[in-house]
Structure formats: C-alpha cells, structure tokens
C-alpha cells in the first residue's frame, strides 16, 4: 500500500492477524505492538486440513488504518502418507 491508500504517509507497520477453525476472535501474529515491515511471515503449529482466515491493517504516522483488508482464507495441506 502506498500513495492515496496511506494518505501519502510511509507505512510504519503491518499488523497481520489470523483465526482458525471455530475461533471467533482474531489473534495478532506480528506488527501490533512491535513495528513490522516484513512482507513474508511464517506461522508454525497449524493443524493439518484446517482452514485459517487472515487479514491485515497498516499503521502510518497518523495511526492505524480505519479497517482491515478483505479476509483471505487458506487451508493447510494433508500430510502425505
């Protein structure tokens, strides 16, 4: 995100969140309390054949974005036998 989407301000942090299965609340993976500018993040200890939902928001010098990105669903793979 740059330009008009950030009000022309530099991005200081990406807050990436996820929830899985029957979870109601999102959990922050990175970026909420410590600035994070990484565009690639690994999440360990996910369950096989489980669907997870991810979303993110950004922080600039003006504060956090008004909302989160559209949700992205991903399903973990089955372990080969």
Protein backbone atom coordinates (compact mmCIF):
# COMPACT_ATOMS: atom_id res chain seq x y z
CA UNK A 1 0.00 0.00 0.00
CA UNK A 2 1.29 3.40 -0.93
CA UNK A 3 0.10 6.76 -2.19
CA UNK A 4 -3.59 7.56 -1.78
CA UNK A 5 -4.27 4.41 0.25
CA UNK A 6 -1.97 5.65 3.04
CA UNK A 7 -2.66 9.36 2.75
CA UNK A 8 0.81 9.69 1.25
CA UNK A 9 2.46 8.62 4.52
CA UNK A 10 5.05 5.88 4.84
CA UNK A 11 3.89 2.61 6.33
CA UNK A 12 5.42 2.03 9.77
CA UNK A 13 3.93 -1.39 10.49
CA UNK A 14 1.75 -4.18 9.12
CA UNK A 15 -0.44 -5.94 11.69
CA UNK A 16 -1.20 -9.47 10.49
CA UNK A 17 -3.94 -11.41 12.27
CA UNK A 18 -5.40 -14.88 11.88
CA UNK A 19 -8.08 -17.17 13.24
CA UNK A 20 -8.68 -20.83 12.60
CA UNK A 21 -11.43 -23.37 12.74
CA UNK A 22 -14.18 -22.32 15.12
CA UNK A 23 -12.25 -19.39 16.62
CA UNK A 24 -14.32 -16.23 16.87
CA UNK A 25 -11.56 -13.75 17.68
CA UNK A 26 -8.53 -12.89 15.58
CA UNK A 27 -5.02 -13.25 17.05
CA UNK A 28 -2.17 -10.94 16.01
CA UNK A 29 0.85 -12.72 14.54
CA UNK A 30 3.07 -9.65 14.04
CA UNK A 31 3.02 -5.89 14.00
CA UNK A 32 0.55 -4.90 16.67
CA UNK A 33 2.95 -3.96 19.48
CA UNK A 34 6.33 -4.02 17.69
CA UNK A 35 6.69 -2.44 14.25
CA UNK A 36 6.80 -4.98 11.42
CA UNK A 37 7.59 -4.23 7.79
CA UNK A 38 8.18 -7.81 6.64
CA UNK A 39 6.09 -8.84 3.65
CA UNK A 40 6.55 -12.57 4.37
CA UNK A 41 5.62 -14.21 7.67
CA UNK A 42 5.69 -17.88 8.70
CA UNK A 43 3.19 -19.30 11.18
CA UNK A 44 4.13 -22.52 12.97
CA UNK A 45 1.99 -25.19 14.65
CA UNK A 46 -1.01 -25.06 12.32
CA UNK A 47 -3.31 -28.08 12.18
CA UNK A 48 -3.45 -30.18 9.01
CA UNK A 49 -6.59 -29.90 6.87
CA UNK A 50 -7.69 -26.81 8.80
CA UNK A 51 -8.99 -23.59 7.25
CA UNK A 52 -7.50 -20.35 8.53
CA UNK A 53 -8.56 -16.77 7.89
CA UNK A 54 -6.01 -13.95 7.64
CA UNK A 55 -6.32 -10.18 7.48
CA UNK A 56 -4.05 -7.17 7.96
CA UNK A 57 -4.09 -3.46 8.65
CA UNK A 58 -1.38 -0.81 8.45
CA UNK A 59 -0.04 1.91 10.72
CA UNK A 60 1.35 5.23 9.50
CA UNK A 61 2.34 8.34 11.41
CA UNK A 62 -1.39 9.12 11.50
CA UNK A 63 -2.28 5.87 13.29
CA UNK A 64 -3.86 2.55 12.31
CA UNK A 65 -5.91 2.21 9.15
CA UNK A 66 -9.68 2.54 9.54
CA UNK A 67 -10.23 -1.14 8.95
CA UNK A 68 -8.69 -4.41 7.91
CA UNK A 69 -8.01 -5.83 4.49
CA UNK A 70 -10.50 -8.24 2.93
CA UNK A 71 -10.22 -11.66 4.60
CA UNK A 72 -8.10 -14.31 2.92
CA UNK A 73 -8.89 -17.96 3.58
CA UNK A 74 -6.25 -20.67 3.29
CA UNK A 75 -6.45 -24.38 4.05
CA UNK A 76 -3.46 -26.32 5.29
CA UNK A 77 -2.36 -29.39 3.37
CA UNK A 78 -2.79 -33.02 4.26
CA UNK A 79 0.39 -34.75 5.41
CA UNK A 80 1.30 -37.37 2.78
CA UNK A 81 1.27 -40.94 4.00
